[in-house]
């Protein structure tokens, strides 16, 4: 297996790689100069992949939308949304010619309100919506895609001041990585996998109300 991991230097990216000890890993990270929000960077990427973890992401560290800077907003959109969309486009178009499986890291913030960082919530809702919507067309190319929606995990993205407000135990990155493998090997596509302490389940979306 050859696997692509974005955000590969982060806590979850490292854990994803460790969970695939026999795979050939291509790890991409902004620390190494790869900007997932740059279409040109994706076009220069070469090779064929069986699996991909579109995992790069950041928070804005801003709860008050009136104080949100242009830079904070654009950086979050580029990393959290563009990184998933552009990565999926290139994988489907040329980097997964024999099919494969994609896991996009979303968050519980993509399934519920997150007042402590509304823009982060916006981006993760976008990831979940994109995954659910793009899954049928990827299936025609033999590619599955699922979203991973972990709760609070013991990684640097969870700031120290936030940790004091959390009333549930932080999950180990290795546990989330095992959940990511479950999503990667899921026979179904377009699902959102909720990852909570000692619990990994696909989220059951309610049906939309019909006309009266």
Protein backbone atom coordinates (compact mmCIF):
# COMPACT_ATOMS: atom_id res chain seq x y z
CA UNK A 1 0.00 0.00 0.00
CA UNK A 2 1.15 3.53 -0.78
CA UNK A 3 -0.49 6.18 1.40
CA UNK A 4 -0.55 9.97 1.23
CA UNK A 5 -0.86 11.94 4.47
CA UNK A 6 -1.27 15.72 4.62
CA UNK A 7 -0.53 17.45 7.88
CA UNK A 8 1.96 14.65 8.24
CA UNK A 9 4.09 16.39 10.88
CA UNK A 10 1.14 16.95 13.23
CA UNK A 11 -0.03 14.70 16.04
CA UNK A 12 -2.65 12.87 14.02
CA UNK A 13 -0.55 12.73 10.87
CA UNK A 14 2.29 11.03 12.73
CA UNK A 15 -0.18 8.62 14.35
CA UNK A 16 -1.74 7.75 10.99
CA UNK A 17 1.68 6.87 9.60
CA UNK A 18 2.53 4.78 12.67
CA UNK A 19 -0.72 2.83 12.23
CA UNK A 20 0.47 1.74 8.76
CA UNK A 21 3.88 0.23 9.51
CA UNK A 22 4.03 -1.78 6.28
CA UNK A 23 2.86 0.98 3.94
CA UNK A 24 4.95 3.32 1.85
CA UNK A 25 4.11 6.74 3.29
CA UNK A 26 4.30 10.07 1.52
CA UNK A 27 3.97 12.71 4.23
CA UNK A 28 3.21 16.31 3.27
CA UNK A 29 3.25 19.24 5.67
CA UNK A 30 3.44 23.03 5.58
CA UNK A 31 6.59 22.71 7.72
CA UNK A 32 8.23 21.05 4.73
CA UNK A 33 6.94 23.63 2.28
CA UNK A 34 3.81 21.87 1.00
CA UNK A 35 0.78 24.16 1.18
CA UNK A 36 -2.38 22.08 0.79
CA UNK A 37 -4.30 25.22 -0.18
CA UNK A 38 -2.07 25.82 -3.21
CA UNK A 39 -3.44 24.24 -6.42
CA UNK A 40 0.00 24.44 -7.99
CA UNK A 41 1.56 22.34 -5.25
CA UNK A 42 -1.00 19.59 -5.83
CA UNK A 43 -0.41 19.66 -9.60
CA UNK A 44 3.29 19.04 -9.05
CA UNK A 45 2.65 15.99 -6.86
CA UNK A 46 3.44 12.74 -8.66
CA UNK A 47 2.89 9.06 -8.03
CA UNK A 48 0.02 6.64 -7.55
CA UNK A 49 -1.69 6.11 -4.21
CA UNK A 50 -3.95 3.45 -2.75
CA UNK A 51 -4.91 5.47 0.33
CA UNK A 52 -4.96 9.11 1.35
CA UNK A 53 -5.51 10.91 4.62
CA UNK A 54 -6.39 14.54 3.91
CA UNK A 55 -5.61 15.60 7.42
CA UNK A 56 -4.04 19.08 7.41
CA UNK A 57 -5.97 21.58 9.51
CA UNK A 58 -5.74 24.56 11.82
CA UNK A 59 -7.93 26.54 14.20
CA UNK A 60 -8.34 30.32 14.15
CA UNK A 61 -7.95 30.73 17.93
CA UNK A 62 -10.79 33.27 17.77
CA UNK A 63 -14.26 32.92 19.25
CA UNK A 64 -15.42 36.51 18.57
CA UNK A 65 -16.27 36.85 14.89
CA UNK A 66 -15.95 40.64 15.10
CA UNK A 67 -12.27 40.23 15.98
CA UNK A 68 -11.58 37.68 13.26
CA UNK A 69 -8.81 38.90 10.94
CA UNK A 70 -8.73 38.40 7.19
CA UNK A 71 -5.54 36.36 7.61
CA UNK A 72 -7.10 34.03 10.19
CA UNK A 73 -10.11 33.43 7.98
CA UNK A 74 -8.19 32.82 4.75
CA UNK A 75 -5.64 30.52 6.44
CA UNK A 76 -8.39 28.36 7.93
CA UNK A 77 -10.25 28.05 4.63
CA UNK A 78 -7.06 27.21 2.72
CA UNK A 79 -5.89 24.54 5.15
CA UNK A 80 -9.18 22.99 6.21
CA UNK A 81 -11.36 23.24 3.11
CA UNK A 82 -9.14 23.87 0.08
CA UNK A 83 -6.73 21.17 1.24
CA UNK A 84 -9.51 18.57 1.16
CA UNK A 85 -11.13 19.73 -2.07
CA UNK A 86 -7.89 20.17 -4.04
CA UNK A 87 -6.47 16.93 -2.68
CA UNK A 88 -9.59 15.00 -3.61
CA UNK A 89 -9.62 16.53 -7.08
CA UNK A 90 -6.04 15.50 -7.84
CA UNK A 91 -6.45 12.04 -6.33
CA UNK A 92 -9.58 11.38 -8.38
CA UNK A 93 -8.21 12.91 -11.56
CA UNK A 94 -4.77 11.28 -11.70
CA UNK A 95 -3.22 10.09 -8.40
CA UNK A 96 -5.60 7.16 -7.78
CA UNK A 97 -5.95 5.70 -11.29
CA UNK A 98 -6.69 2.21 -9.92
CA UNK A 99 -9.10 3.39 -7.25
CA UNK A 100 -8.52 3.64 -3.54
CA UNK A 101 -9.81 5.12 -0.32
CA UNK A 102 -9.68 8.66 1.08
CA UNK A 103 -10.20 9.73 4.68
CA UNK A 104 -10.75 13.45 5.23
CA UNK A 105 -10.19 14.66 8.77
CA UNK A 106 -13.20 16.70 9.85
CA UNK A 107 -14.15 17.00 13.54
CA UNK A 108 -17.08 16.80 15.91
CA UNK A 109 -17.10 20.53 15.19
CA UNK A 110 -18.39 19.55 11.74
CA UNK A 111 -21.47 17.96 13.28
CA UNK A 112 -22.40 20.38 16.05
CA UNK A 113 -22.16 24.04 17.08
CA UNK A 114 -18.71 25.16 18.24
CA UNK A 115 -18.95 28.66 19.74
CA UNK A 116 -15.28 28.68 20.81
CA UNK A 117 -14.23 28.79 17.13
CA UNK A 118 -17.07 29.39 14.65
CA UNK A 119 -14.78 29.49 11.61
CA UNK A 120 -13.22 26.16 12.50
CA UNK A 121 -16.76 24.77 12.77
CA UNK A 122 -17.63 26.28 9.38
CA UNK A 123 -14.66 24.57 7.72
CA UNK A 124 -15.36 21.19 9.28
CA UNK A 125 -19.06 21.34 8.37
CA UNK A 126 -17.83 22.04 4.83
CA UNK A 127 -15.62 18.94 4.88
CA UNK A 128 -18.49 16.72 6.01
CA UNK A 129 -20.83 18.19 3.38
CA UNK A 130 -18.25 17.81 0.65
CA UNK A 131 -17.48 14.20 1.52
CA UNK A 132 -21.15 13.22 1.55
CA UNK A 133 -21.79 15.02 -1.73
CA UNK A 134 -18.74 13.92 -3.73
CA UNK A 135 -18.88 10.24 -2.70
CA UNK A 136 -21.26 9.07 -5.48
CA UNK A 137 -19.13 10.44 -8.31
CA UNK A 138 -15.91 9.08 -6.79
CA UNK A 139 -17.53 5.66 -6.56
CA UNK A 140 -17.68 5.55 -10.35
CA UNK A 141 -13.86 5.79 -10.30
CA UNK A 142 -13.51 3.06 -7.69
CA UNK A 143 -12.66 5.55 -4.94
CA UNK A 144 -14.27 5.60 -1.50
CA UNK A 145 -14.22 8.71 0.68
CA UNK A 146 -15.23 9.10 4.31
CA UNK A 147 -14.91 11.83 6.92
CA UNK A 148 -13.31 11.33 10.30
CA UNK A 149 -14.94 13.36 13.09
CA UNK A 150 -12.88 13.02 16.26
CA UNK A 151 -13.59 14.77 19.52
CA UNK A 152 -10.86 16.38 21.61
CA UNK A 153 -7.56 14.63 21.01
CA UNK A 154 -4.23 15.09 22.77
CA UNK A 155 -2.54 17.05 19.98
CA UNK A 156 -1.06 20.57 19.79
CA UNK A 157 -4.18 21.88 18.01
CA UNK A 158 -6.01 21.71 21.37
CA UNK A 159 -4.71 24.81 23.11
CA UNK A 160 -3.82 24.77 26.80
CA UNK A 161 -6.54 27.22 27.78
CA UNK A 162 -9.14 25.05 26.06
CA UNK A 163 -7.95 21.91 27.81
CA UNK A 164 -9.04 23.33 31.15
CA UNK A 165 -12.62 23.60 29.88
CA UNK A 166 -12.90 20.04 28.58
CA UNK A 167 -14.86 17.69 30.84
CA UNK A 168 -14.05 14.49 28.91
CA UNK A 169 -10.67 12.74 28.66
CA UNK A 170 -8.51 13.65 25.70
CA UNK A 171 -8.14 10.78 23.26
CA UNK A 172 -4.73 9.43 22.34
CA UNK A 173 -3.77 10.08 18.69
CA UNK A 174 -3.18 6.33 18.29
CA UNK A 175 -6.85 5.65 19.11
CA UNK A 176 -7.98 8.17 16.50
CA UNK A 177 -5.56 6.61 14.02
CA UNK A 178 -7.16 3.20 14.51
CA UNK A 179 -10.54 4.83 13.87
CA UNK A 180 -9.10 6.38 10.70
CA UNK A 181 -8.10 2.92 9.48
CA UNK A 182 -11.64 1.74 10.17
CA UNK A 183 -12.95 4.57 8.01
CA UNK A 184 -10.31 3.86 5.36
CA UNK A 185 -11.44 0.23 5.11
CA UNK A 186 -15.15 1.02 5.27
CA UNK A 187 -17.01 -0.72 2.45
CA UNK A 188 -19.40 2.21 2.31
CA UNK A 189 -18.58 5.73 1.16
CA UNK A 190 -19.71 9.22 2.10
CA UNK A 191 -20.01 8.55 5.80
CA UNK A 192 -18.92 10.64 8.79
CA UNK A 193 -17.24 8.57 11.50
CA UNK A 194 -17.66 9.93 15.02
CA UNK A 195 -14.66 9.23 17.24
CA UNK A 196 -15.20 9.65 20.97
CA UNK A 197 -13.40 8.02 23.91
CA UNK A 198 -13.90 4.27 23.53
CA UNK A 199 -16.47 4.78 20.79
CA UNK A 200 -16.17 4.80 16.98
CA UNK A 201 -19.45 4.86 15.04
CA UNK A 202 -20.78 6.27 11.76
CA UNK A 203 -22.99 9.29 12.37
CA UNK A 204 -26.66 8.79 11.57
CA UNK A 205 -27.88 11.87 9.73
CA UNK A 206 -31.60 12.60 10.08
CA UNK A 207 -33.69 12.80 6.94
CA UNK A 208 -34.81 16.24 5.78
CA UNK A 209 -38.46 17.08 6.51
CA UNK A 210 -40.56 16.61 3.42
CA UNK A 211 -43.31 18.91 2.11
CA UNK A 212 -46.61 19.10 3.91
